[in-house]
Structure formats: structure tokens, C-alpha cells
Amino acid sequence: MLSRITVQGLFGEIDYDLVLKEGPLTYIHSQNGFGKSTIMKLVYNLLKGNLEEVRTAPFQRLTLFFDNGSKIIVQNRNQELNVLMCQNRLEEELDQDDICNILNTVYIGPERLYLFDGDGHYISALDFYMDELSSNIRKAISDSELKPGKDDGGNYTDADLDQMFKNIEAKIAFIKQAGFSPDIPAGLRFPPTRFEIGEKREKYRALAFSLMDYTDRYYVFAESIVVFKDIVNALFLNKSVSINDKGYLQANMDRSGTVIPISKFSSGEKQILILFYLLLFKTKPSSLVIIDEPEVSLHVSWQQQLGKYMKDVARVRNLKLLVSTHSPSVIHDDWDLAVELSKTKAD
């Protein structure tokens, strides 16, 4: 994982040395004009292999250090790039494909409310993401018929199968909170008793492996839905978000039960939905996630809670978050996780 960033000659005159925190989250803060966003986009574009964007950026040298001892060195001489990977004192020149395979990286910029469609038009990002989420939930609802699971051939006793079903039952109960579950074949009960396992051993063994296959496919998705709803409902005031029986995200006023269309949400509410949707549903485990200005449109009270929920998601998904912010309220009580950009004249 990325552990340190050094930049020489940013804008032709500034050097930075940013040592990232060991935990899941590091805040980068400074006054406007110090280059926070420029550095964040530079790191992102490099790790995504967007070398044209890197080439035209205003810097002379960029070095990314990783916790395995390797580093990437980028030299930019009059917009001519030289990209090297250094490991065990050996240097190897990298091409675009090599760079893309080093570390999966996601960038969540401050302009999150709109996306470009395939025709170059702006569309509502929230509408797009919520339609995507609903579509995936409906697919999960419809995919309730169990498929044969891969039997590992192990020598399982009745007690082993009984324990296996107890573990599966806990996972299925959690998945149900997301609004979907598997259909149990006729003639079998879930969870079975030890006696039933002994009577129909082969059928229940097959059922156990089929259910394990189902939970392997849907547990992480269900977990994302549950965590998403928990975070949103902890932040939102006077309304609650749920998944209706058709698989659509729905918001209701707490007292009256009135349904509120998501399109009518405030800008801050939309920002919360988009930010945590991207973190939970669009980011692969063990990724570096760069978040620029998460405070956009958020009240101070929400800004102060952001760090807690971002750290929770980072731990669930094993993410490294690099958060660039102008707001002391976002950092809140976590100043030990903050790195300040201080201008240093380049030699």
C-alpha cells in the first residue's frame, strides 16, 4: 500500500514530502492554492496509467513509496516522462499496463452530483447510482433458486454439518436484512436438526454447499447494503431510507411515513448517498481511495461525523483513504491523522 508521496518542483517552485499515516485514513489539509487537488489528481492519474494527464501536470519529479519497500519514480522533463519502478535496488522502466496493475486506485472528486453519459451530456449521478443499485438488488431477489455448490470432498460428520448450517444460518439472516434470500428446496428444512441431517445426509450435505455458494456470491453485496443504510440513517434527520419489496431505495418521513422522492433530497443528503455508495459499491477491497473535499454541501455536524463512517467503511473493505480537505470540522478530533501541506521552495 502507498505510504509516502514526495513531489519536487510542483508549479516549478514547491517541494512536498507527505508521509501517510499507518491506519486506514490520512487527511491532507492546507490553505487554498497549495496544490492539494493537483497532488491528489497526479497520484491518481499515475496509478491509473493516465500518463497524458501526468505529462501535462506542473511538476518535475514525483515519487510514490510503498510499504513493501518499492517505489515509483516519475521524472517530468519539459513534459517528457520517465517512469521507473525501484525494488531491491533494481530499476525497471514501466509502461502504462505495468502501472495499472500496481495498485487499484479510485478518485472521488468534489464535483460528484453529475456524470457524463455516453453522449457527453450531464446526468444526475444519484439517479444513475440508485438505478444501478436497484437493478442489482432486483437481480439478487430474482436469483433465489439455489445452484449446486462445489463439494470439497471433505469427510464431514453430522456434527460438522450441523455446525456448518449454524454458520450459514447467521449469514443468511444477515443477507435477509438486504431484502433477498435463497429458496430452500421442497422437502428440506433450514436450518435442519441433527436428526434430519442424519436421515437425509447426502441431501443436506448438498444443501450446505449450495448455500455456501449463495453466501459467497451475495454476502458482501448484502453487507454493503446494510452498512450503507445504517450510515445514511444515522446521519439523516426526520427521514429513514429503506429497500422496498421491489428492490428500490425508498425514503420515508419518520413521523408521517410520507414517501420522499430521492430527487427531492437536499444537496447535502445527495452528497452523503453518493460518497458512501461509491465507497461501498464501486471500490474493490484493498484499494487506495482519494477523496477530494468530502465536506461539499455538508453541515458542520455532518462534517464532524464523516471521519468515523469513512474509517468504518475502510476497515470493512480494507481500504486506504487519502482525504484532501479544507475543513477543520472534517478532521474534527483526528488531528493525529492529518498531514499539513507546508510550502518549501524547491532547490
Protein backbone atom coordinates (compact mmCIF):
# COMPACT_ATOMS: atom_id res chain seq x y z
CA MET A 1 0.00 0.00 0.00
CA LEU A 2 1.05 3.61 -0.57
CA SER A 3 2.95 5.02 2.42
CA ARG A 4 4.62 8.26 1.29
CA ILE A 5 4.44 10.84 -1.51
CA THR A 6 7.19 13.27 -2.45
CA VAL A 7 6.84 15.96 -5.11
CA GLN A 8 9.62 18.19 -6.36
CA GLY A 9 9.11 21.31 -8.43
CA LEU A 10 5.34 21.49 -8.16
CA PHE A 11 4.32 24.60 -10.15
CA GLY A 12 8.04 24.90 -10.82
CA GLU A 13 8.90 26.07 -7.29
CA ILE A 14 7.45 23.97 -4.41
CA ASP A 15 8.58 20.67 -2.84
CA TYR A 16 6.39 18.44 -0.65
CA ASP A 17 7.08 15.33 1.41
CA LEU A 18 3.89 13.63 2.64
CA VAL A 19 4.26 10.67 5.00
CA LEU A 20 0.89 8.90 5.18
CA LYS A 21 -0.49 7.55 8.44
CA GLU A 22 -0.29 3.82 9.12
CA GLY A 23 -4.04 3.36 9.64
CA PRO A 24 -6.85 3.38 7.08
CA LEU A 25 -7.17 7.16 6.78
CA THR A 26 -4.89 10.15 6.22
CA TYR A 27 -6.14 13.73 5.94
CA ILE A 28 -4.26 16.21 3.74
CA HIS A 29 -5.03 19.84 4.57
CA SER A 30 -3.75 23.30 3.72
CA GLN A 31 -4.86 26.71 2.56
CA ASN A 32 -6.19 27.16 -0.96
CA GLY A 33 -3.60 27.28 -3.71
CA PHE A 34 -1.05 24.99 -2.08
CA GLY A 35 -1.69 22.18 -4.57
CA LYS A 36 -3.72 19.60 -2.62
CA SER A 37 -6.02 18.76 -5.50
CA THR A 38 -3.16 18.86 -8.02
CA ILE A 39 -1.19 16.31 -6.00
CA MET A 40 -4.23 14.06 -5.45
CA LYS A 41 -5.06 14.02 -9.17
CA LEU A 42 -1.40 13.48 -10.03
CA VAL A 43 -1.19 10.39 -7.81
CA TYR A 44 -4.49 9.07 -9.14
CA ASN A 45 -3.64 9.61 -12.80
CA LEU A 46 -0.25 7.97 -12.40
CA LEU A 47 -1.63 4.85 -10.71
CA LYS A 48 -4.44 4.60 -13.29
CA GLY A 49 -1.93 4.85 -16.12
CA ASN A 50 -3.31 8.16 -17.40
CA LEU A 51 0.15 9.25 -18.47
CA GLU A 52 -1.03 12.07 -20.73
CA GLU A 53 -2.61 13.74 -17.69
CA VAL A 54 0.60 13.17 -15.72
CA ARG A 55 2.77 14.54 -18.53
CA THR A 56 0.92 17.86 -18.65
CA ALA A 57 0.86 18.35 -14.86
CA PRO A 58 3.10 21.12 -13.42
CA PHE A 59 5.80 19.12 -11.59
CA GLN A 60 9.38 17.97 -12.09
CA ARG A 61 9.62 14.76 -10.05
CA LEU A 62 7.10 12.56 -8.24
CA THR A 63 7.98 9.57 -6.05
CA LEU A 64 5.47 7.15 -4.59
CA PHE A 65 6.75 4.92 -1.77
CA PHE A 66 5.04 1.65 -0.85
CA ASP A 67 5.14 -0.26 2.42
CA ASN A 68 6.81 -3.26 0.74
CA GLY A 69 9.92 -1.13 0.13
CA SER A 70 9.28 -0.47 -3.56
CA LYS A 71 8.79 2.96 -5.12
CA ILE A 72 7.74 4.56 -8.39
CA ILE A 73 9.80 7.50 -9.61
CA VAL A 74 8.40 9.81 -12.27
CA GLN A 75 10.59 12.44 -13.87
CA ASN A 76 8.93 15.10 -15.97
CA ARG A 77 11.44 16.98 -18.10
CA ASN A 78 9.66 19.51 -20.29
CA GLN A 79 6.62 17.20 -20.47
CA GLU A 80 8.71 14.14 -21.34
CA LEU A 81 8.05 11.39 -18.80
CA ASN A 82 10.38 8.75 -17.46
CA VAL A 83 8.63 6.27 -15.13
CA LEU A 84 10.70 3.78 -13.11
CA MET A 85 9.88 1.12 -10.54
CA CYS A 86 12.62 0.63 -7.95
CA GLN A 87 12.65 -2.57 -5.92
CA ASN A 88 15.52 -4.30 -4.14
CA ARG A 89 17.89 -1.68 -5.61
CA LEU A 90 16.85 -2.65 -9.13
CA GLU A 91 15.27 -0.15 -11.51
CA GLU A 92 12.79 -1.15 -14.17
CA GLU A 93 11.10 1.12 -16.67
CA LEU A 94 7.32 0.92 -16.53
CA ASP A 95 4.79 1.21 -19.32
CA GLN A 96 1.11 2.07 -18.98
CA ASP A 97 -0.05 -1.53 -18.47
CA ASP A 98 2.57 -2.16 -15.78
CA ILE A 99 1.48 0.89 -13.82
CA CYS A 100 -2.22 -0.02 -13.91
CA ASN A 101 -1.52 -3.35 -12.20
CA ILE A 102 0.37 -1.91 -9.22
CA LEU A 103 -2.48 -0.65 -7.04
CA ASN A 104 -6.19 -0.26 -7.70
CA THR A 105 -6.98 3.42 -7.17
CA VAL A 106 -10.27 5.32 -7.02
CA TYR A 107 -10.71 9.09 -7.17
CA ILE A 108 -13.82 10.75 -5.72
CA GLY A 109 -13.70 14.39 -6.68
CA PRO A 110 -15.64 17.38 -5.32
CA GLU A 111 -17.97 17.57 -8.33
CA ARG A 112 -19.92 14.41 -7.53
CA LEU A 113 -23.53 15.31 -8.29
CA TYR A 114 -23.31 14.90 -12.08
CA LEU A 115 -21.85 12.43 -14.56
CA PHE A 116 -21.29 12.46 -18.29
CA ASP A 117 -23.40 9.98 -20.24
CA GLY A 118 -22.18 8.28 -23.40
CA ASP A 119 -23.29 11.26 -25.49
CA GLY A 120 -21.36 13.85 -23.47
CA HIS A 121 -24.41 15.16 -21.59
CA TYR A 122 -24.62 15.75 -17.84
CA ILE A 123 -26.89 13.37 -15.93
CA SER A 124 -27.74 13.08 -12.25
CA ALA A 125 -25.12 10.90 -10.58
CA LEU A 126 -27.51 9.97 -7.77
CA ASP A 127 -30.23 8.82 -10.18
CA PHE A 128 -27.68 6.75 -12.10
CA TYR A 129 -26.20 5.14 -8.97
CA MET A 130 -29.56 4.42 -7.32
CA ASP A 131 -30.90 2.88 -10.55
CA GLU A 132 -27.76 0.73 -10.65
CA LEU A 133 -28.21 -0.30 -7.02
CA SER A 134 -31.89 -1.13 -7.51
CA SER A 135 -31.11 -3.16 -10.63
CA ASN A 136 -28.53 -5.23 -8.74
CA ILE A 137 -30.91 -5.75 -5.81
CA ARG A 138 -33.66 -6.93 -8.14
CA LYS A 139 -31.23 -9.36 -9.75
CA ALA A 140 -30.38 -10.72 -6.31
CA ILE A 141 -34.09 -11.05 -5.44
CA SER A 142 -34.79 -12.96 -8.64
CA ASP A 143 -31.72 -15.18 -8.20
CA SER A 144 -33.26 -17.11 -5.30
CA GLU A 145 -33.08 -20.63 -6.74
CA LEU A 146 -30.09 -22.44 -5.32
CA LYS A 147 -27.42 -23.79 -7.63
CA PRO A 148 -25.32 -26.90 -6.94
CA GLY A 149 -22.35 -25.88 -4.81
CA LYS A 150 -18.85 -27.23 -5.19
CA ASP A 151 -18.36 -30.04 -2.66
CA ASP A 152 -14.78 -30.06 -1.37
CA GLY A 153 -14.93 -33.80 -0.73
CA GLY A 154 -14.16 -33.47 2.98
CA ASN A 155 -15.08 -36.16 5.50
CA TYR A 156 -17.80 -34.30 7.43
CA THR A 157 -19.57 -35.82 10.41
CA ASP A 158 -23.17 -34.99 11.29
CA ALA A 159 -21.82 -32.63 13.95
CA ASP A 160 -19.64 -30.92 11.35
CA LEU A 161 -22.61 -30.39 9.03
CA ASP A 162 -24.71 -29.14 11.93
CA GLN A 163 -22.07 -26.51 12.76
CA MET A 164 -21.80 -25.63 9.08
CA PHE A 165 -25.54 -24.95 8.96
CA LYS A 166 -25.34 -22.77 12.07
CA ASN A 167 -22.67 -20.64 10.41
CA ILE A 168 -24.69 -20.45 7.20
CA GLU A 169 -27.85 -19.54 9.11
CA ALA A 170 -26.15 -16.48 10.60
CA LYS A 171 -25.02 -15.32 7.16
CA ILE A 172 -28.43 -15.90 5.56
CA ALA A 173 -30.12 -13.96 8.39
CA PHE A 174 -27.77 -11.05 7.67
CA ILE A 175 -28.39 -11.25 3.91
CA LYS A 176 -32.16 -11.09 4.54
CA GLN A 177 -31.66 -7.62 6.02
CA ALA A 178 -30.72 -6.52 2.49
CA GLY A 179 -34.07 -7.72 1.12
CA PHE A 180 -33.29 -11.05 -0.53
CA SER A 181 -32.68 -14.69 0.40
CA PRO A 182 -32.46 -18.14 -1.22
CA ASP A 183 -35.35 -20.56 -1.70
CA ILE A 184 -34.92 -23.79 0.23
CA PRO A 185 -35.80 -26.88 -1.88
CA ALA A 186 -39.08 -28.62 -1.06
CA GLY A 187 -38.77 -31.46 1.43
CA LEU A 188 -35.78 -29.90 3.24
CA ARG A 189 -35.78 -27.65 6.28
CA PHE A 190 -33.38 -24.84 7.05
CA PRO A 191 -31.70 -24.99 9.40
CA PRO A 192 -32.08 -28.75 9.85
CA THR A 193 -31.91 -30.57 13.16
CA ARG A 194 -29.12 -33.06 13.82
CA PHE A 195 -31.72 -35.84 13.40
CA GLU A 196 -32.78 -34.53 9.97
CA ILE A 197 -29.15 -34.32 8.87
CA GLY A 198 -28.67 -37.96 9.84
CA GLU A 199 -31.82 -39.05 8.00
CA LYS A 200 -31.10 -37.23 4.71
CA ARG A 201 -27.39 -36.83 4.97
CA GLU A 202 -26.48 -36.53 1.28
CA LYS A 203 -29.31 -34.10 0.53
CA TYR A 204 -28.39 -31.87 3.44
CA ARG A 205 -24.72 -32.03 2.58
CA ALA A 206 -25.57 -30.85 -0.96
CA LEU A 207 -27.81 -28.13 0.52
CA ALA A 208 -24.99 -26.91 2.75
CA PHE A 209 -22.61 -26.47 -0.18
CA SER A 210 -25.32 -24.83 -2.30
CA LEU A 211 -25.99 -22.32 0.48
CA MET A 212 -22.28 -21.68 0.90
CA ASP A 213 -22.10 -20.89 -2.81
CA TYR A 214 -25.04 -18.49 -2.38
CA THR A 215 -23.50 -16.68 0.58
CA ASP A 216 -20.16 -16.42 -1.26
CA ARG A 217 -21.98 -14.63 -4.09
CA TYR A 218 -24.17 -12.31 -2.06
CA TYR A 219 -22.82 -11.75 1.44
CA VAL A 220 -20.51 -8.84 0.56
CA PHE A 221 -23.22 -7.18 -1.55
CA ALA A 222 -25.74 -7.57 1.28
CA GLU A 223 -23.19 -6.26 3.78
CA SER A 224 -22.70 -3.18 1.61
CA ILE A 225 -26.45 -2.54 1.53
CA VAL A 226 -26.83 -2.92 5.29
CA VAL A 227 -23.82 -0.70 6.09
CA PHE A 228 -25.00 1.85 3.50
CA LYS A 229 -28.45 2.08 5.10
CA ASP A 230 -27.01 2.21 8.62
CA ILE A 231 -24.69 5.13 7.80
CA VAL A 232 -27.31 7.09 5.89
CA ASN A 233 -29.97 6.62 8.55
CA ALA A 234 -27.54 7.58 11.31
CA LEU A 235 -26.88 10.90 9.53
CA PHE A 236 -30.24 11.81 8.06
CA LEU A 237 -32.73 13.75 10.20
CA ASN A 238 -36.50 13.15 10.26
CA LYS A 239 -36.41 10.59 7.48
CA SER A 240 -35.26 6.99 7.00
CA VAL A 241 -34.03 5.13 3.94
CA SER A 242 -35.01 1.53 3.26
CA ILE A 243 -35.23 -1.00 0.43
CA ASN A 244 -38.83 -1.69 -0.60
CA ASP A 245 -40.14 -5.10 -1.67
CA LYS A 246 -39.44 -4.27 -5.33
CA GLY A 247 -35.78 -3.59 -4.67
CA TYR A 248 -35.88 0.21 -4.85
CA LEU A 249 -34.32 2.60 -2.38
CA GLN A 250 -37.10 4.48 -0.62
CA ALA A 251 -37.16 7.35 1.87
CA ASN A 252 -39.98 7.95 4.35
CA MET A 253 -40.58 10.74 6.84
CA ASP A 254 -40.22 9.29 10.33
CA ARG A 255 -43.47 10.67 11.78
CA SER A 256 -45.93 10.69 8.91
CA GLY A 257 -44.44 7.90 6.80
CA THR A 258 -44.72 10.13 3.73
CA VAL A 259 -42.58 8.86 0.85
CA ILE A 260 -39.94 11.40 -0.22
CA PRO A 261 -38.53 11.01 -3.77
CA ILE A 262 -34.75 10.83 -3.65
CA SER A 263 -34.65 13.51 -6.37
CA LYS A 264 -36.10 15.90 -3.77
CA PHE A 265 -33.31 15.34 -1.27
CA SER A 266 -31.12 18.27 -0.25
CA SER A 267 -27.71 18.70 -1.88
CA GLY A 268 -26.01 17.53 1.32
CA GLU A 269 -28.16 14.39 1.54
CA LYS A 270 -27.34 13.58 -2.08
CA GLN A 271 -23.63 14.05 -1.35
CA ILE A 272 -23.82 11.54 1.52
CA LEU A 273 -25.61 8.95 -0.61
CA ILE A 274 -23.14 9.33 -3.48
CA LEU A 275 -19.99 9.32 -1.34
CA PHE A 276 -20.85 6.16 0.58
CA TYR A 277 -22.31 4.44 -2.47
CA LEU A 278 -19.00 4.89 -4.26
CA LEU A 279 -17.02 3.67 -1.24
CA LEU A 280 -19.17 0.59 -0.60
CA PHE A 281 -20.31 -0.49 -4.06
CA LYS A 282 -17.79 0.85 -6.58
CA THR A 283 -14.49 0.26 -4.79
CA LYS A 284 -12.61 -3.04 -4.72
CA PRO A 285 -11.14 -4.29 -1.43
CA SER A 286 -7.52 -3.26 -0.74
CA SER A 287 -7.81 -0.15 -2.93
CA LEU A 288 -6.37 3.31 -2.46
CA VAL A 289 -9.25 5.80 -2.41
CA ILE A 290 -8.54 9.51 -2.91
CA ILE A 291 -11.38 11.74 -1.73
CA ASP A 292 -11.19 15.43 -2.56
CA GLU A 293 -13.29 17.83 -0.47
CA PRO A 294 -15.79 15.43 1.16
CA GLU A 295 -17.26 18.40 3.02
CA VAL A 296 -19.03 19.84 -0.06
CA SER A 297 -22.62 20.91 0.84
CA LEU A 298 -22.46 19.30 4.31
CA HIS A 299 -23.47 20.94 7.56
CA VAL A 300 -20.71 21.17 10.19
CA SER A 301 -22.41 18.47 12.31
CA TRP A 302 -22.24 16.03 9.38
CA GLN A 303 -18.67 17.00 8.58
CA GLN A 304 -17.68 16.11 12.14
CA GLN A 305 -19.15 12.61 11.75
CA LEU A 306 -17.71 11.84 8.31
CA GLY A 307 -14.36 10.58 9.56
CA LYS A 308 -15.92 7.94 11.81
CA TYR A 309 -18.00 6.47 9.00
CA MET A 310 -15.21 6.68 6.43
CA LYS A 311 -12.93 4.77 8.81
CA ASP A 312 -15.65 2.18 9.41
CA VAL A 313 -16.04 1.56 5.67
CA ALA A 314 -12.25 1.49 5.20
CA ARG A 315 -11.94 -1.26 7.80
CA VAL A 316 -14.83 -3.28 6.36
CA ARG A 317 -13.35 -3.10 2.85
CA ASN A 318 -9.65 -2.93 3.79
CA LEU A 319 -9.22 0.44 2.06
CA LYS A 320 -6.59 3.15 2.36
CA LEU A 321 -8.28 6.57 2.30
CA LEU A 322 -6.40 9.71 1.36
CA VAL A 323 -8.74 12.61 2.13
CA SER A 324 -7.99 16.15 0.97
CA THR A 325 -9.97 18.79 2.84
CA HIS A 326 -10.18 22.49 3.65
CA SER A 327 -12.41 21.86 6.62
CA PRO A 328 -11.15 21.50 10.21
CA SER A 329 -14.58 20.08 11.02
CA VAL A 330 -13.96 17.04 8.81
CA ILE A 331 -10.72 16.28 10.64
CA HIS A 332 -12.52 17.07 13.92
CA ASP A 333 -10.85 15.05 16.71
CA ASP A 334 -8.45 13.19 14.38
CA TRP A 335 -5.63 15.70 14.04
CA ASP A 336 -3.18 12.88 14.69
CA LEU A 337 -4.27 11.54 11.27
CA ALA A 338 -3.69 14.87 9.49
CA VAL A 339 -0.76 15.96 7.33
CA GLU A 340 -0.42 19.65 6.53
CA LEU A 341 0.98 20.89 3.25
CA SER A 342 3.64 23.49 4.03
CA LYS A 343 5.32 25.27 1.15
CA THR A 344 9.03 24.67 0.75
CA LYS A 345 10.96 26.37 -2.00
CA ALA A 346 12.47 23.91 -4.45
CA ASP A 347 16.24 23.96 -4.89
